[in-house]
Amino acid sequence: MPTYPNAIVQLLELLRNLPGVGKKTAERYAFSMLEWDEETRNALSKQLETLSSEVSACSECGSYMTKETCAYCTSSVRDEKSLLIVAHPKEIYALEELGGFRGRFHVLGGLLSPLDGIQPEHLSIGKLCERVEQDQVEEIILALDTTIEGDATSLYIKELFDNTSVTISRLAHGMPIGSSLEYIDEHTLLQAFAGRRGF
């Protein structure tokens, strides 16, 4: 085990907090940063400080915002009667890139997972109920992972609004475009079959 200066050891530990970054990748990143000129390193340091001071979660929808202004909640062209539910803020940006949704968003902050101790009270489900009532939401679109946790969360939210006039839908899932049947796993194939539609 090499003996790194303490500053490098601390940097390696911080880099390993990034998803998919193990020991070797962290070392590559750290040594690459050491080769940067001082101006570039200072720019990165300043930008990390800016993240803490200027970026926060919107208290209404949970997406990232700057200087107390949420681009989604303050937009006059977005339909407040339609709410698209995601688990994490980053998923909003992926959906926005498609350009097909003009309603508003709601970030849960995770998915239900009793084994990990994540119960409904740990997510922003209470806030969701408030928004639905306050804005007289007519449609909820669930854009959650097709995992056990995602399915459980979707079912829980659906049951919350079962006896209301709110329409609940979920993003379609199934066979990817251009795929061959022989390479599709059983679960995906079952979902595709269950979600079949007229042709």
Protein backbone atom coordinates (compact mmCIF):
# COMPACT_ATOMS: atom_id res chain seq x y z
CA MET A 1 0.00 0.00 0.00
CA PRO A 2 1.63 3.29 -1.08
CA THR A 3 2.12 6.02 1.49
CA TYR A 4 0.30 9.04 0.12
CA PRO A 5 0.53 12.53 1.62
CA ASN A 6 -2.44 13.12 3.96
CA ALA A 7 -4.07 15.64 1.58
CA ILE A 8 -4.18 13.02 -1.18
CA VAL A 9 -5.57 10.37 1.18
CA GLN A 10 -8.41 12.71 2.14
CA LEU A 11 -9.09 13.55 -1.51
CA LEU A 12 -9.22 9.83 -2.39
CA GLU A 13 -11.77 9.22 0.39
CA LEU A 14 -13.95 12.08 -0.87
CA LEU A 15 -13.76 10.93 -4.50
CA ARG A 16 -14.92 7.45 -3.50
CA ASN A 17 -18.26 8.98 -2.48
CA LEU A 18 -19.00 9.41 -6.19
CA PRO A 19 -21.11 6.61 -7.75
CA GLY A 20 -19.07 3.95 -9.51
CA VAL A 21 -15.76 5.29 -8.20
CA GLY A 22 -13.57 2.69 -6.53
CA LYS A 23 -9.98 2.81 -5.28
CA LYS A 24 -8.27 2.78 -8.69
CA THR A 25 -10.64 5.29 -10.31
CA ALA A 26 -10.28 7.62 -7.32
CA GLU A 27 -6.49 7.43 -7.69
CA ARG A 28 -6.74 8.23 -11.41
CA TYR A 29 -8.95 11.26 -10.70
CA ALA A 30 -6.74 12.50 -7.87
CA PHE A 31 -3.50 12.29 -9.85
CA SER A 32 -5.18 13.92 -12.82
CA MET A 33 -6.23 16.83 -10.59
CA LEU A 34 -2.66 17.15 -9.30
CA GLU A 35 -1.55 17.75 -12.89
CA TRP A 36 -4.08 20.58 -13.39
CA ASP A 37 -2.77 24.11 -13.24
CA GLU A 38 -3.53 26.08 -10.09
CA GLU A 39 -6.21 28.18 -11.81
CA THR A 40 -8.24 25.10 -12.80
CA ARG A 41 -7.98 23.59 -9.31
CA ASN A 42 -9.08 26.86 -7.75
CA ALA A 43 -12.02 27.07 -10.18
CA LEU A 44 -13.19 23.60 -9.12
CA SER A 45 -12.83 24.50 -5.44
CA LYS A 46 -14.83 27.69 -5.95
CA GLN A 47 -17.53 25.85 -7.88
CA LEU A 48 -17.95 23.29 -5.07
CA GLU A 49 -18.45 26.17 -2.62
CA THR A 50 -21.04 27.66 -4.99
CA LEU A 51 -23.00 24.39 -4.92
CA SER A 52 -23.47 24.76 -1.17
CA SER A 53 -24.32 28.45 -1.20
CA GLU A 54 -26.46 28.73 -4.33
CA VAL A 55 -28.10 25.37 -5.00
CA SER A 56 -30.83 23.98 -2.74
CA ALA A 57 -33.94 21.83 -2.93
CA CYS A 58 -37.24 23.54 -3.69
CA SER A 59 -39.52 23.29 -0.64
CA GLU A 60 -42.51 22.81 -2.94
CA CYS A 61 -41.47 20.23 -5.55
CA GLY A 62 -38.04 19.05 -4.34
CA SER A 63 -36.11 19.84 -7.51
CA TYR A 64 -32.84 21.76 -7.45
CA MET A 65 -33.10 25.53 -7.60
CA THR A 66 -30.86 28.58 -7.31
CA LYS A 67 -31.41 31.65 -5.15
CA GLU A 68 -34.88 30.66 -3.98
CA THR A 69 -36.27 30.50 -7.52
CA CYS A 70 -37.58 27.17 -8.82
CA ALA A 71 -37.80 27.14 -12.60
CA TYR A 72 -40.62 24.59 -12.52
CA CYS A 73 -42.83 25.96 -9.74
CA THR A 74 -42.61 29.58 -10.91
CA SER A 75 -43.23 28.86 -14.60
CA SER A 76 -46.53 30.28 -15.85
CA VAL A 77 -46.62 27.93 -18.84
CA ARG A 78 -46.57 24.69 -16.87
CA ASP A 79 -49.85 22.94 -16.04
CA GLU A 80 -50.25 22.71 -12.25
CA LYS A 81 -53.10 20.22 -12.67
CA SER A 82 -50.64 17.57 -13.85
CA LEU A 83 -47.90 16.20 -11.55
CA LEU A 84 -45.11 13.88 -12.62
CA ILE A 85 -43.61 11.95 -9.68
CA VAL A 86 -39.91 11.01 -9.60
CA ALA A 87 -37.69 9.56 -6.87
CA HIS A 88 -34.72 11.94 -7.25
CA PRO A 89 -34.15 15.46 -8.66
CA LYS A 90 -31.70 14.27 -11.34
CA GLU A 91 -34.52 12.34 -13.04
CA ILE A 92 -36.34 15.59 -13.78
CA TYR A 93 -33.55 16.69 -16.11
CA ALA A 94 -33.62 13.43 -18.06
CA LEU A 95 -37.40 13.80 -18.56
CA GLU A 96 -37.11 17.49 -19.44
CA GLU A 97 -34.64 16.66 -22.22
CA LEU A 98 -37.44 14.77 -23.98
CA GLY A 99 -39.53 17.94 -24.05
CA GLY A 100 -42.86 16.12 -23.99
CA PHE A 101 -44.14 16.97 -20.50
CA ARG A 102 -45.46 20.45 -19.65
CA GLY A 103 -46.86 19.85 -16.18
CA ARG A 104 -45.11 20.13 -12.83
CA PHE A 105 -42.85 17.77 -10.91
CA HIS A 106 -42.73 16.25 -7.46
CA VAL A 107 -39.60 14.62 -6.02
CA LEU A 108 -40.18 11.91 -3.40
CA GLY A 109 -36.59 11.84 -2.18
CA GLY A 110 -36.27 8.08 -2.62
CA LEU A 111 -38.40 4.94 -2.78
CA LEU A 112 -40.16 2.89 -0.12
CA SER A 113 -37.88 0.18 1.22
CA PRO A 114 -38.91 -1.24 4.62
CA LEU A 115 -35.80 -3.46 4.73
CA ASP A 116 -33.66 -0.31 4.57
CA GLY A 117 -35.90 1.51 7.04
CA ILE A 118 -37.41 3.84 4.41
CA GLN A 119 -41.08 4.29 5.27
CA PRO A 120 -43.69 6.70 3.81
CA GLU A 121 -42.86 9.31 6.46
CA HIS A 122 -39.26 9.43 5.19
CA LEU A 123 -40.42 10.53 1.73
CA SER A 124 -42.26 13.68 0.65
CA ILE A 125 -45.56 11.84 0.28
CA GLY A 126 -47.29 14.11 2.82
CA LYS A 127 -46.24 17.13 0.75
CA LEU A 128 -47.55 15.38 -2.36
CA CYS A 129 -50.98 15.02 -0.77
CA GLU A 130 -50.94 18.71 0.20
CA ARG A 131 -50.09 19.78 -3.36
CA VAL A 132 -52.76 17.57 -4.90
CA GLU A 133 -55.41 19.15 -2.68
CA GLN A 134 -54.08 22.71 -2.84
CA ASP A 135 -53.59 22.82 -6.64
CA GLN A 136 -56.60 20.60 -7.39
CA VAL A 137 -54.37 18.23 -9.32
CA GLU A 138 -56.25 16.13 -11.88
CA GLU A 139 -53.49 13.77 -13.03
CA ILE A 140 -50.54 12.07 -11.35
CA ILE A 141 -47.96 10.37 -13.57
CA LEU A 142 -45.64 7.94 -11.80
CA ALA A 143 -42.14 7.88 -13.30
CA LEU A 144 -40.52 5.50 -10.80
CA ASP A 145 -38.09 2.63 -11.28
CA THR A 146 -39.50 -0.75 -12.28
CA THR A 147 -37.96 -2.39 -9.23
CA ILE A 148 -39.58 -3.94 -6.16
CA GLU A 149 -39.12 -0.61 -4.36
CA GLY A 150 -40.44 1.40 -7.30
CA ASP A 151 -43.46 -0.87 -7.71
CA ALA A 152 -44.22 -0.72 -3.97
CA THR A 153 -43.99 3.07 -3.97
CA SER A 154 -46.21 3.36 -7.05
CA LEU A 155 -48.82 1.07 -5.52
CA TYR A 156 -48.76 2.99 -2.23
CA ILE A 157 -49.34 6.32 -4.00
CA LYS A 158 -52.06 4.83 -6.19
CA GLU A 159 -53.92 3.55 -3.12
CA LEU A 160 -53.71 6.98 -1.48
CA PHE A 161 -55.80 8.46 -4.29
CA ASP A 162 -58.03 5.45 -5.09
CA ASN A 163 -61.19 7.13 -3.81
CA THR A 164 -60.54 10.52 -5.41
CA SER A 165 -61.09 11.97 -8.87
CA VAL A 166 -57.32 12.09 -9.53
CA THR A 167 -56.23 10.04 -12.55
CA ILE A 168 -53.16 7.90 -11.84
CA SER A 169 -50.94 6.63 -14.64
CA ARG A 170 -47.47 5.15 -14.88
CA LEU A 171 -44.85 5.44 -17.60
CA ALA A 172 -45.09 2.48 -19.95
CA HIS A 173 -42.33 -0.08 -19.76
CA GLY A 174 -41.49 -3.21 -21.65
CA MET A 175 -39.43 -4.15 -24.69
CA PRO A 176 -36.83 -1.61 -25.80
CA ILE A 177 -37.06 -0.45 -29.42
CA GLY A 178 -34.86 -2.52 -31.73
CA SER A 179 -34.61 -5.44 -29.31
CA SER A 180 -34.87 -9.13 -30.15
CA LEU A 181 -37.23 -11.42 -28.18
CA GLU A 182 -34.53 -13.99 -27.52
CA TYR A 183 -32.47 -11.44 -25.55
CA ILE A 184 -35.29 -9.99 -23.41
CA ASP A 185 -35.39 -11.09 -19.77
CA GLU A 186 -38.55 -12.73 -18.44
CA HIS A 187 -39.65 -9.82 -16.24
CA THR A 188 -39.37 -7.28 -19.08
CA LEU A 189 -41.20 -9.60 -21.44
CA LEU A 190 -44.06 -10.09 -18.94
CA GLN A 191 -44.33 -6.31 -18.46
CA ALA A 192 -44.40 -5.79 -22.23
CA PHE A 193 -47.09 -8.43 -22.61
CA ALA A 194 -49.23 -6.95 -19.81
CA GLY A 195 -48.87 -3.48 -21.32
CA ARG A 196 -49.77 -4.48 -24.85
CA ARG A 197 -52.07 -2.15 -26.81
CA GLY A 198 -54.09 -2.10 -30.00
CA PHE A 199 -52.23 -2.11 -33.29
